[in-house]
Amino acid sequence: MESVQPKYVPISTLAKIWGRSRMYIYRRVDMIRNEGKFNEICMQLGSQQILVHVDKFETWMKSQNMKWLKGYNNENQVRHYQ
């Protein structure tokens, strides 16, 4: 029998899943909030309790990586041709 994986987890659990510190995850949640996507990816249960949707967080992280890679590649191409 397969175990059921929760969709929403606390930040401390997400930090363990990603192998990062809780502060790293909190900073990413702040970035998500600044982009206006907080309600799509996270749930605020109280003043201190935030749950994060694991799959949506992973998708967001991948999109951030692609933005960084595209910016990095564009900078290198500009420097290369100057």
N, C-alpha and C. Protein backbone atom coordinates (compact mmCIF):
# COMPACT_ATOMS: atom_id res chain seq x y z
N MET A 1 0.83 -1.18 0.00
CA MET A 1 0.00 0.00 0.00
C MET A 1 0.88 1.25 0.00
N GLU A 2 0.55 2.20 -0.87
CA GLU A 2 1.33 3.43 -0.98
C GLU A 2 0.95 4.40 0.13
N SER A 3 1.94 5.19 0.55
CA SER A 3 1.64 6.21 1.55
C SER A 3 1.09 7.45 0.85
N VAL A 4 0.26 8.17 1.53
CA VAL A 4 -0.35 9.38 0.98
C VAL A 4 0.59 10.55 1.26
N GLN A 5 0.90 11.31 0.23
CA GLN A 5 1.76 12.47 0.37
C GLN A 5 0.90 13.72 0.48
N PRO A 6 1.09 14.54 1.51
CA PRO A 6 0.29 15.75 1.64
C PRO A 6 0.64 16.76 0.56
N LYS A 7 -0.35 17.52 0.13
CA LYS A 7 -0.11 18.57 -0.87
C LYS A 7 0.47 19.82 -0.22
N TYR A 8 -0.06 20.19 0.94
CA TYR A 8 0.41 21.37 1.66
C TYR A 8 1.19 20.94 2.88
N VAL A 9 2.36 21.54 3.07
CA VAL A 9 3.21 21.20 4.22
C VAL A 9 3.69 22.49 4.87
N PRO A 10 4.03 22.43 6.16
CA PRO A 10 4.62 23.60 6.82
C PRO A 10 6.00 23.91 6.25
N ILE A 11 6.46 25.11 6.47
CA ILE A 11 7.76 25.55 5.95
C ILE A 11 8.89 24.66 6.47
N SER A 12 8.81 24.23 7.73
CA SER A 12 9.88 23.39 8.28
C SER A 12 9.97 22.05 7.53
N THR A 13 8.83 21.49 7.16
CA THR A 13 8.83 20.23 6.40
C THR A 13 9.35 20.46 4.99
N LEU A 14 8.94 21.56 4.37
CA LEU A 14 9.42 21.88 3.03
C LEU A 14 10.93 22.08 3.02
N ALA A 15 11.45 22.68 4.08
CA ALA A 15 12.91 22.87 4.20
C ALA A 15 13.62 21.52 4.25
N LYS A 16 13.05 20.56 4.95
CA LYS A 16 13.65 19.21 5.01
C LYS A 16 13.57 18.52 3.65
N ILE A 17 12.45 18.67 2.96
CA ILE A 17 12.28 18.06 1.64
C ILE A 17 13.33 18.59 0.67
N TRP A 18 13.56 19.90 0.69
CA TRP A 18 14.50 20.54 -0.23
C TRP A 18 15.94 20.52 0.27
N GLY A 19 16.13 20.12 1.52
CA GLY A 19 17.49 20.11 2.06
C GLY A 19 18.04 21.51 2.25
N ARG A 20 17.17 22.44 2.58
CA ARG A 20 17.55 23.84 2.78
C ARG A 20 17.13 24.29 4.17
N SER A 21 17.58 25.45 4.56
CA SER A 21 17.19 26.00 5.86
C SER A 21 15.77 26.57 5.78
N ARG A 22 15.16 26.72 6.94
CA ARG A 22 13.83 27.33 6.97
C ARG A 22 13.91 28.78 6.47
N MET A 23 15.00 29.46 6.79
CA MET A 23 15.16 30.85 6.35
C MET A 23 15.18 30.94 4.83
N TYR A 24 15.83 29.98 4.17
CA TYR A 24 15.86 29.93 2.71
C TYR A 24 14.43 29.84 2.17
N ILE A 25 13.61 28.97 2.76
CA ILE A 25 12.23 28.80 2.31
C ILE A 25 11.42 30.06 2.61
N TYR A 26 11.62 30.66 3.79
CA TYR A 26 10.91 31.90 4.11
C TYR A 26 11.23 33.00 3.11
N ARG A 27 12.49 33.10 2.69
CA ARG A 27 12.86 34.11 1.70
C ARG A 27 12.16 33.85 0.37
N ARG A 28 12.05 32.57 0.00
CA ARG A 28 11.35 32.23 -1.25
C ARG A 28 9.86 32.54 -1.14
N VAL A 29 9.28 32.28 0.02
CA VAL A 29 7.86 32.60 0.24
C VAL A 29 7.66 34.12 0.15
N ASP A 30 8.60 34.90 0.66
CA ASP A 30 8.52 36.36 0.52
C ASP A 30 8.58 36.78 -0.95
N MET A 31 9.43 36.11 -1.73
CA MET A 31 9.51 36.40 -3.16
C MET A 31 8.19 36.06 -3.84
N ILE A 32 7.60 34.95 -3.46
CA ILE A 32 6.30 34.55 -4.01
C ILE A 32 5.25 35.60 -3.67
N ARG A 33 5.28 36.08 -2.44
CA ARG A 33 4.34 37.12 -2.00
C ARG A 33 4.53 38.39 -2.81
N ASN A 34 5.77 38.79 -3.04
CA ASN A 34 6.07 40.00 -3.80
C ASN A 34 5.63 39.89 -5.26
N GLU A 35 5.61 38.67 -5.79
CA GLU A 35 5.15 38.45 -7.17
C GLU A 35 3.62 38.38 -7.25
N GLY A 36 2.95 38.37 -6.10
CA GLY A 36 1.50 38.30 -6.09
C GLY A 36 0.94 36.91 -6.28
N LYS A 37 1.76 35.88 -6.05
CA LYS A 37 1.33 34.50 -6.25
C LYS A 37 1.14 33.74 -4.94
N PHE A 38 1.13 34.46 -3.82
CA PHE A 38 1.07 33.82 -2.52
C PHE A 38 -0.17 32.94 -2.38
N ASN A 39 -1.34 33.45 -2.77
CA ASN A 39 -2.58 32.69 -2.60
C ASN A 39 -2.66 31.48 -3.52
N GLU A 40 -1.88 31.46 -4.59
CA GLU A 40 -1.85 30.31 -5.50
C GLU A 40 -0.99 29.17 -4.94
N ILE A 41 0.07 29.52 -4.21
CA ILE A 41 1.06 28.53 -3.79
C ILE A 41 1.01 28.25 -2.29
N CYS A 42 0.59 29.22 -1.50
CA CYS A 42 0.64 29.10 -0.04
C CYS A 42 -0.74 29.31 0.58
N MET A 43 -0.86 28.85 1.83
CA MET A 43 -2.05 29.10 2.64
C MET A 43 -1.59 29.66 3.98
N GLN A 44 -2.18 30.77 4.38
CA GLN A 44 -1.88 31.38 5.67
C GLN A 44 -2.97 30.94 6.64
N LEU A 45 -2.61 30.09 7.62
CA LEU A 45 -3.59 29.59 8.57
C LEU A 45 -3.73 30.48 9.79
N GLY A 46 -2.72 31.26 10.05
CA GLY A 46 -2.72 32.17 11.19
C GLY A 46 -1.55 33.12 11.03
N SER A 47 -1.30 33.90 12.06
CA SER A 47 -0.21 34.87 11.95
C SER A 47 1.16 34.19 11.85
N GLN A 48 1.27 32.97 12.37
CA GLN A 48 2.56 32.27 12.38
C GLN A 48 2.58 31.00 11.54
N GLN A 49 1.45 30.57 11.01
CA GLN A 49 1.38 29.28 10.32
C GLN A 49 1.14 29.47 8.82
N ILE A 50 2.14 29.07 8.03
CA ILE A 50 2.03 29.10 6.57
C ILE A 50 2.22 27.68 6.07
N LEU A 51 1.33 27.26 5.19
CA LEU A 51 1.49 25.98 4.52
C LEU A 51 1.79 26.25 3.06
N VAL A 52 2.65 25.41 2.48
CA VAL A 52 3.08 25.61 1.11
C VAL A 52 2.72 24.37 0.30
N HIS A 53 2.15 24.58 -0.89
CA HIS A 53 1.81 23.49 -1.79
C HIS A 53 3.11 22.98 -2.41
N VAL A 54 3.44 21.74 -2.17
CA VAL A 54 4.74 21.19 -2.57
C VAL A 54 4.93 21.25 -4.07
N ASP A 55 3.98 20.77 -4.85
CA ASP A 55 4.13 20.72 -6.31
C ASP A 55 4.20 22.12 -6.92
N LYS A 56 3.35 23.02 -6.45
CA LYS A 56 3.34 24.39 -6.99
C LYS A 56 4.62 25.13 -6.61
N PHE A 57 5.14 24.86 -5.41
CA PHE A 57 6.41 25.48 -5.01
C PHE A 57 7.54 24.99 -5.91
N GLU A 58 7.55 23.70 -6.19
CA GLU A 58 8.59 23.15 -7.07
C GLU A 58 8.50 23.78 -8.46
N THR A 59 7.30 23.91 -9.00
CA THR A 59 7.12 24.54 -10.31
C THR A 59 7.61 25.98 -10.28
N TRP A 60 7.28 26.71 -9.21
CA TRP A 60 7.73 28.09 -9.09
C TRP A 60 9.26 28.17 -9.02
N MET A 61 9.87 27.27 -8.25
CA MET A 61 11.33 27.24 -8.15
C MET A 61 11.97 27.00 -9.51
N LYS A 62 11.41 26.07 -10.27
CA LYS A 62 11.94 25.81 -11.61
C LYS A 62 11.82 27.03 -12.50
N SER A 63 10.71 27.76 -12.39
CA SER A 63 10.53 28.97 -13.20
C SER A 63 11.55 30.03 -12.80
N GLN A 64 11.86 30.12 -11.52
CA GLN A 64 12.87 31.08 -11.05
C GLN A 64 14.24 30.72 -11.62
N ASN A 65 14.54 29.44 -11.64
CA ASN A 65 15.82 28.98 -12.18
C ASN A 65 15.91 29.32 -13.67
N MET A 66 14.82 29.14 -14.40
CA MET A 66 14.84 29.44 -15.83
C MET A 66 15.01 30.94 -16.07
N LYS A 67 14.37 31.78 -15.24
CA LYS A 67 14.54 33.23 -15.37
C LYS A 67 16.01 33.59 -15.16
N TRP A 68 16.62 32.97 -14.14
CA TRP A 68 18.02 33.26 -13.84
C TRP A 68 18.91 32.80 -14.99
N LEU A 69 18.65 31.60 -15.50
CA LEU A 69 19.46 31.08 -16.59
C LEU A 69 19.34 31.94 -17.84
N LYS A 70 18.13 32.37 -18.17
CA LYS A 70 17.93 33.22 -19.35
C LYS A 70 18.66 34.54 -19.18
N GLY A 71 18.56 35.14 -17.99
CA GLY A 71 19.26 36.39 -17.72
C GLY A 71 20.76 36.21 -17.78
N TYR A 72 21.24 35.11 -17.22
CA TYR A 72 22.68 34.81 -17.22
C TYR A 72 23.18 34.62 -18.64
N ASN A 73 22.47 33.87 -19.44
CA ASN A 73 22.88 33.62 -20.82
C ASN A 73 22.86 34.90 -21.64
N ASN A 74 21.86 35.74 -21.45
CA ASN A 74 21.79 37.00 -22.18
C ASN A 74 22.95 37.92 -21.81
N GLU A 75 23.30 37.98 -20.51
CA GLU A 75 24.43 38.80 -20.08
C GLU A 75 25.72 38.30 -20.70
N ASN A 76 25.92 36.99 -20.72
CA ASN A 76 27.15 36.44 -21.28
C ASN A 76 27.23 36.67 -22.77
N GLN A 77 26.11 36.59 -23.47
CA GLN A 77 26.13 36.85 -24.93
C GLN A 77 26.48 38.30 -25.21
N VAL A 78 25.93 39.22 -24.40
CA VAL A 78 26.22 40.64 -24.60
C VAL A 78 27.71 40.89 -24.34
N ARG A 79 28.25 40.35 -23.26
CA ARG A 79 29.66 40.54 -22.94
C ARG A 79 30.55 39.92 -24.01
N HIS A 80 30.14 38.78 -24.53
CA HIS A 80 30.94 38.07 -25.53
C HIS A 80 31.07 38.90 -26.82
N TYR A 81 30.01 39.59 -27.18
CA TYR A 81 30.01 40.33 -28.45
C TYR A 81 30.55 41.74 -28.32
N GLN A 82 30.82 42.20 -27.11
CA GLN A 82 31.32 43.58 -26.95
C GLN A 82 32.80 43.64 -27.16
